[in-house]
Amino acid sequence: MAQEAVKAIPAAADLYHDCIGYASEKTGRDIGKLMLHGPQEILDDTRLAQPVIFIANIVGSTALSQILETDPDTRVGHSFGHLAALHDEGVFDTRTGLDLAIARGEFMHQAFINRPGSMAAVFKIAEDRLTEVCRKYGVTWANDNSDTEAVISGESENVVAAKKEIEDIYGGRVIMLKVRGAAHSPLVQAAADRMSQLAEAFHTHQNRIRLPEKLVVMSSRTVDRLRSVADIKADIGGLADRVEWQNTVRRLILDGYTEFYETGPGSKLTNLPRRGPNMKALLDSHGATMTSLDQLLEKFTG
């Protein structure tokens, strides 16, 4: 993760080395080695995955700004990506961001132990039918990713039962996700509460969370721009809330944004909107493009 950005962009390399030193000290693991070499089964542990993904995101954002020679007009994160968006906008410094990422991983890990669950990606089912299935089996519609992809979350037996009905009755397709808990559902509310308490302590007692003079971050929870410290703290603590990604991308396009860049590892978010016919039509009608950092680096180093 992040190795191409580190190779190509000196500023990204400097940030990377500063991050892995601090994160390795705080976690007791060689974070740099994990980012470059894995193994995957170790990185699947949310206690390590979250600081590693945070580092990859902010290193990628630094590389992006260097390549484009400008800062983004607005920032938004999908689920955990919101911490990187807040960091890059100057809401808190790098070490505070790492402390929040590490704590979030620990809180989520404990929530997964105390209230186990599962998540599944759902394709090719109408919104009203998915809503009814979620209500029937007591699962949560956790992520609204596009007009053809959603994610459900909840107790494992309920997710499996919902999967069966979606496939057998409605002809949808469901893929169980390789995760260790039920994020963005009531099963992680304890972790959400702890993150809210930590954000409050960091702001009120330690002065580690601040409101920049110009804050240009949109929340994928509320599909609205953050405007206050209260908004920031609510976003940090919003672990149990749905990720409204489809509506967030739609709002940005309708607001006039036409160039989107993904700074984290991989190209999931770059490809996601075009997999749904409605979102693809919206992108095309507004001439909007989506580019992953990997694609940009390939051209830059080309």
Protein backbone atom coordinates (compact mmCIF):
# COMPACT_ATOMS: atom_id res chain seq x y z
CA MET A 1 0.00 0.00 0.00
CA ALA A 2 1.18 3.50 -0.94
CA GLN A 3 4.52 2.23 -2.26
CA GLU A 4 4.14 3.75 -5.75
CA ALA A 5 3.32 7.15 -4.27
CA VAL A 6 6.31 6.86 -1.93
CA LYS A 7 8.62 5.99 -4.84
CA ALA A 8 7.41 8.82 -7.06
CA ILE A 9 6.73 11.75 -4.72
CA PRO A 10 9.31 12.91 -2.10
CA ALA A 11 6.69 14.71 0.01
CA ALA A 12 4.61 11.52 0.14
CA ALA A 13 7.70 9.52 1.15
CA ASP A 14 8.47 11.94 3.99
CA LEU A 15 4.93 11.67 5.35
CA TYR A 16 4.95 7.89 4.96
CA HIS A 17 8.15 7.44 6.98
CA ASP A 18 6.93 9.78 9.71
CA CYS A 19 3.65 7.86 9.92
CA ILE A 20 5.06 4.33 9.98
CA GLY A 21 7.51 5.24 12.74
CA TYR A 22 4.78 6.60 15.00
CA ALA A 23 2.23 3.90 14.11
CA SER A 24 4.77 1.10 14.66
CA GLU A 25 5.61 2.51 18.08
CA LYS A 26 1.94 2.79 19.06
CA THR A 27 0.85 -0.64 17.78
CA GLY A 28 3.98 -2.66 18.50
CA ARG A 29 4.02 -3.93 14.90
CA ASP A 30 6.22 -3.13 11.90
CA ILE A 31 3.63 -1.08 10.04
CA GLY A 32 5.91 -0.30 7.10
CA LYS A 33 6.59 -3.98 6.49
CA LEU A 34 2.88 -4.79 6.70
CA MET A 35 2.02 -2.08 4.19
CA LEU A 36 4.56 -3.30 1.67
CA HIS A 37 4.44 -7.05 2.18
CA GLY A 38 1.42 -8.06 4.29
CA PRO A 39 0.52 -10.83 4.94
CA GLN A 40 -3.15 -10.28 4.18
CA GLU A 41 -4.40 -12.28 7.16
CA ILE A 42 -2.58 -9.91 9.52
CA LEU A 43 -3.87 -6.84 7.70
CA ASP A 44 -7.42 -8.20 7.97
CA ASP A 45 -7.26 -7.46 11.71
CA THR A 46 -9.13 -4.16 12.03
CA ARG A 47 -6.72 -3.02 14.75
CA LEU A 48 -3.97 -2.88 12.11
CA ALA A 49 -6.07 -2.34 9.00
CA GLN A 50 -7.38 1.01 10.15
CA PRO A 51 -4.07 2.80 10.84
CA VAL A 52 -2.59 1.24 7.68
CA ILE A 53 -5.48 2.43 5.49
CA PHE A 54 -5.33 5.87 7.12
CA ILE A 55 -1.63 6.15 6.25
CA ALA A 56 -2.21 4.97 2.68
CA ASN A 57 -4.99 7.54 2.26
CA ILE A 58 -3.11 10.58 3.51
CA VAL A 59 0.09 9.60 1.69
CA GLY A 60 -2.00 9.21 -1.46
CA SER A 61 -3.64 12.58 -0.92
CA THR A 62 -0.23 14.21 -0.56
CA ALA A 63 0.91 12.59 -3.80
CA LEU A 64 -2.27 13.71 -5.55
CA SER A 65 -1.80 17.35 -4.53
CA GLN A 66 1.82 17.28 -5.70
CA ILE A 67 0.92 15.81 -9.10
CA LEU A 68 -2.03 18.14 -9.73
CA GLU A 69 -0.20 21.10 -8.15
CA THR A 70 -3.38 22.10 -6.34
CA ASP A 71 -5.52 21.06 -3.40
CA PRO A 72 -9.01 19.59 -3.90
CA ASP A 73 -12.03 21.87 -3.86
CA THR A 74 -13.73 19.46 -1.48
CA ARG A 75 -12.96 16.17 0.26
CA VAL A 76 -15.11 13.20 1.19
CA GLY A 77 -14.43 9.79 2.67
CA HIS A 78 -16.25 6.50 2.25
CA SER A 79 -16.80 5.09 5.74
CA PHE A 80 -13.41 5.07 7.50
CA GLY A 81 -11.99 7.34 4.78
CA HIS A 82 -13.60 10.30 6.54
CA LEU A 83 -10.69 10.46 9.01
CA ALA A 84 -8.23 11.00 6.16
CA ALA A 85 -10.49 13.68 4.67
CA LEU A 86 -10.62 15.51 8.01
CA HIS A 87 -6.86 15.21 8.47
CA ASP A 88 -6.10 16.50 4.98
CA GLU A 89 -8.35 19.48 5.59
CA GLY A 90 -6.38 20.42 8.73
CA VAL A 91 -8.97 19.42 11.35
CA PHE A 92 -6.23 17.57 13.25
CA ASP A 93 -2.55 16.76 12.79
CA THR A 94 -1.10 13.48 11.58
CA ARG A 95 -0.39 11.98 14.99
CA THR A 96 -3.89 12.80 16.20
CA GLY A 97 -5.26 11.18 13.05
CA LEU A 98 -3.20 8.06 13.74
CA ASP A 99 -4.34 8.03 17.37
CA LEU A 100 -7.96 8.21 16.19
CA ALA A 101 -7.41 5.47 13.58
CA ILE A 102 -5.71 3.16 16.08
CA ALA A 103 -8.40 3.78 18.70
CA ARG A 104 -11.15 3.21 16.13
CA GLY A 105 -9.60 -0.12 15.21
CA GLU A 106 -9.40 -1.16 18.86
CA PHE A 107 -12.99 -0.09 19.58
CA MET A 108 -14.31 -1.89 16.50
CA HIS A 109 -12.34 -5.03 17.39
CA GLN A 110 -13.89 -5.09 20.85
CA ALA A 111 -17.36 -4.48 19.43
CA PHE A 112 -16.90 -7.39 17.02
CA ILE A 113 -15.99 -9.65 19.95
CA ASN A 114 -18.85 -8.51 22.17
CA ARG A 115 -21.50 -8.48 19.44
CA PRO A 116 -20.36 -10.66 16.52
CA GLY A 117 -21.90 -10.22 13.11
CA SER A 118 -21.41 -10.32 9.34
CA MET A 119 -21.72 -8.13 6.27
CA ALA A 120 -22.73 -8.94 2.71
CA ALA A 121 -22.70 -7.11 -0.61
CA VAL A 122 -26.06 -7.16 -2.38
CA PHE A 123 -26.61 -6.72 -6.13
CA LYS A 124 -29.60 -6.52 -8.45
CA ILE A 125 -32.49 -5.92 -6.06
CA ALA A 126 -34.87 -2.95 -5.94
CA GLU A 127 -34.54 -0.52 -3.04
CA ASP A 128 -38.04 -1.13 -1.70
CA ARG A 129 -37.51 -4.89 -1.68
CA LEU A 130 -34.13 -4.58 0.04
CA THR A 131 -35.70 -2.31 2.66
CA GLU A 132 -38.42 -4.89 3.31
CA VAL A 133 -35.92 -7.77 3.58
CA CYS A 134 -33.78 -5.78 6.02
CA ARG A 135 -36.84 -5.04 8.16
CA LYS A 136 -38.01 -8.67 8.05
CA TYR A 137 -34.70 -10.15 9.19
CA GLY A 138 -33.51 -7.37 11.49
CA VAL A 139 -30.43 -6.46 9.46
CA THR A 140 -29.15 -3.02 8.58
CA TRP A 141 -28.73 -1.50 5.13
CA ALA A 142 -25.20 -0.38 5.95
CA ASN A 143 -23.83 1.03 2.68
CA ASP A 144 -25.72 2.50 -0.28
CA ASN A 145 -22.84 2.28 -2.72
CA SER A 146 -24.55 2.62 -6.11
CA ASP A 147 -27.84 1.92 -7.84
CA THR A 148 -26.78 -1.72 -8.25
CA GLU A 149 -24.75 -2.35 -5.07
CA ALA A 150 -25.62 -2.17 -1.39
CA VAL A 151 -24.15 -3.72 1.76
CA ILE A 152 -26.16 -5.24 4.58
CA SER A 153 -24.89 -5.79 8.11
CA GLY A 154 -26.09 -7.54 11.26
CA GLU A 155 -26.10 -10.75 13.24
CA SER A 156 -24.65 -13.53 11.10
CA GLU A 157 -27.68 -15.83 11.05
CA ASN A 158 -29.92 -12.90 10.07
CA VAL A 159 -27.60 -11.83 7.25
CA VAL A 160 -27.53 -15.40 5.94
CA ALA A 161 -31.34 -15.60 6.08
CA ALA A 162 -31.64 -12.28 4.25
CA LYS A 163 -29.14 -13.53 1.65
CA LYS A 164 -31.27 -16.61 0.99
CA GLU A 165 -34.45 -14.60 0.46
CA ILE A 166 -32.75 -12.04 -1.77
CA GLU A 167 -31.36 -14.80 -3.97
CA ASP A 168 -34.20 -17.32 -3.92
CA ILE A 169 -37.20 -15.01 -4.08
CA TYR A 170 -35.99 -11.77 -5.68
CA GLY A 171 -33.25 -13.12 -7.95
CA GLY A 172 -30.59 -10.86 -6.51
CA ARG A 173 -26.96 -11.74 -5.94
CA VAL A 174 -25.31 -11.68 -2.52
CA ILE A 175 -21.62 -12.05 -1.62
CA MET A 176 -20.64 -12.53 2.02
CA LEU A 177 -17.81 -10.15 2.86
CA LYS A 178 -14.60 -11.30 4.49
CA VAL A 179 -14.94 -9.05 7.52
CA ARG A 180 -14.94 -9.82 11.22
CA GLY A 181 -17.99 -7.90 12.35
CA ALA A 182 -21.08 -5.88 11.47
CA ALA A 183 -19.90 -2.34 10.80
CA HIS A 184 -22.44 0.45 10.24
CA SER A 185 -25.07 -1.34 12.29
CA PRO A 186 -26.36 -1.16 15.88
CA LEU A 187 -23.95 -3.98 16.76
CA VAL A 188 -21.08 -1.46 16.78
CA GLN A 189 -22.90 1.27 18.70
CA ALA A 190 -20.59 0.78 21.70
CA ALA A 191 -17.59 1.53 19.47
CA ALA A 192 -19.39 4.57 18.06
CA ASP A 193 -20.04 5.87 21.56
CA ARG A 194 -16.39 5.41 22.53
CA MET A 195 -15.23 7.27 19.41
CA SER A 196 -17.62 10.11 20.24
CA GLN A 197 -16.19 10.30 23.75
CA LEU A 198 -12.63 10.31 22.39
CA ALA A 199 -13.44 13.07 19.90
CA GLU A 200 -14.97 15.12 22.71
CA ALA A 201 -11.89 14.63 24.90
CA PHE A 202 -9.51 15.50 22.06
CA HIS A 203 -11.44 18.71 21.35
CA THR A 204 -12.45 19.91 24.80
CA HIS A 205 -9.50 18.85 26.95
CA GLN A 206 -6.54 18.42 24.60
CA ASN A 207 -7.19 20.98 21.84
CA ARG A 208 -6.37 18.38 19.19
CA ILE A 209 -9.46 18.93 17.05
CA ARG A 210 -10.05 22.34 15.53
CA LEU A 211 -12.30 24.06 13.02
CA PRO A 212 -10.29 25.35 10.04
CA GLU A 213 -11.06 28.80 8.71
CA LYS A 214 -12.34 27.14 5.53
CA LEU A 215 -13.72 23.62 5.94
CA VAL A 216 -14.49 21.84 2.66
CA VAL A 217 -15.38 18.29 3.74
CA MET A 218 -18.64 16.55 2.85
CA SER A 219 -20.00 13.80 5.08
CA SER A 220 -21.04 10.56 3.37
CA ARG A 221 -23.28 9.95 6.40
CA THR A 222 -25.41 13.07 6.08
CA VAL A 223 -24.72 13.98 2.43
CA ASP A 224 -23.97 17.50 3.57
CA ARG A 225 -20.93 19.66 4.21
CA LEU A 226 -19.46 19.84 7.69
CA ARG A 227 -19.79 23.32 9.13
CA SER A 228 -18.92 23.14 12.83
CA VAL A 229 -16.92 21.28 15.46
CA ALA A 230 -20.15 19.54 16.44
CA ASP A 231 -20.47 18.27 12.85
CA ILE A 232 -16.86 17.06 12.92
CA LYS A 233 -17.31 15.19 16.20
CA ALA A 234 -20.54 13.62 14.97
CA ASP A 235 -18.76 12.38 11.85
CA ILE A 236 -15.90 10.90 13.88
CA GLY A 237 -18.41 9.08 16.05
CA GLY A 238 -20.70 7.94 13.23
CA LEU A 239 -19.49 4.33 13.08
CA ALA A 240 -22.99 2.85 13.29
CA ASP A 241 -24.53 5.08 10.61
CA ARG A 242 -25.23 4.18 6.99
CA VAL A 243 -22.70 5.21 4.32
CA GLU A 244 -24.72 7.18 1.77
CA TRP A 245 -22.11 6.96 -0.96
CA GLN A 246 -24.42 6.95 -3.98
CA ASN A 247 -26.24 10.06 -2.79
CA THR A 248 -22.96 11.76 -1.86
CA VAL A 249 -21.49 11.29 -5.33
CA ARG A 250 -24.78 12.39 -6.91
CA ARG A 251 -24.87 15.53 -4.75
CA LEU A 252 -21.31 16.46 -5.72
CA ILE A 253 -22.00 15.98 -9.42
CA LEU A 254 -25.18 18.06 -9.24
CA ASP A 255 -23.21 20.72 -7.36
CA GLY A 256 -20.94 20.98 -10.39
CA TYR A 257 -17.97 18.77 -9.56
CA THR A 258 -16.67 16.91 -12.60
CA GLU A 259 -13.19 15.64 -11.61
CA PHE A 260 -13.02 12.98 -8.90
CA TYR A 261 -9.82 11.37 -7.58
CA GLU A 262 -9.49 8.34 -5.33
CA THR A 263 -6.45 8.57 -3.05
CA GLY A 264 -6.66 5.30 -1.12
CA PRO A 265 -5.32 1.88 -2.11
CA GLY A 266 -6.96 0.32 -5.15
CA SER A 267 -9.69 1.63 -7.43
CA LYS A 268 -12.93 0.41 -5.84
CA LEU A 269 -14.48 3.88 -5.55
CA THR A 270 -13.28 4.92 -9.00
CA ASN A 271 -15.07 2.00 -10.65
CA LEU A 272 -18.11 1.79 -8.37
CA PRO A 273 -20.41 4.50 -9.84
CA ARG A 274 -20.09 3.28 -13.43
CA ARG A 275 -21.31 -0.20 -12.48
CA GLY A 276 -24.84 1.15 -12.00
CA PRO A 277 -26.73 2.39 -15.10
CA ASN A 278 -28.30 5.35 -13.32
CA MET A 279 -25.03 6.62 -11.86
CA LYS A 280 -23.19 5.99 -15.13
CA ALA A 281 -25.80 8.03 -17.01
CA LEU A 282 -25.43 10.87 -14.49
CA LEU A 283 -21.63 10.84 -14.80
CA ASP A 284 -21.79 10.83 -18.59
CA SER A 285 -24.43 13.56 -18.81
CA HIS A 286 -22.25 15.90 -16.73
CA GLY A 287 -18.93 14.87 -18.27
CA ALA A 288 -17.66 13.72 -14.89
CA THR A 289 -14.51 11.60 -14.63
CA MET A 290 -13.20 9.38 -11.86
CA THR A 291 -9.50 8.59 -11.59
CA SER A 292 -7.65 6.41 -9.11
CA LEU A 293 -4.27 7.43 -7.70
CA ASP A 294 -2.76 4.33 -9.32
CA GLN A 295 -3.90 5.56 -12.74
CA LEU A 296 -2.59 9.05 -12.08
CA LEU A 297 0.79 7.78 -10.86
CA GLU A 298 1.13 5.57 -13.92
CA LYS A 299 0.74 8.61 -16.16
CA PHE A 300 2.97 10.75 -13.95
CA THR A 301 5.86 8.28 -13.89
CA GLY A 302 5.10 7.08 -17.43
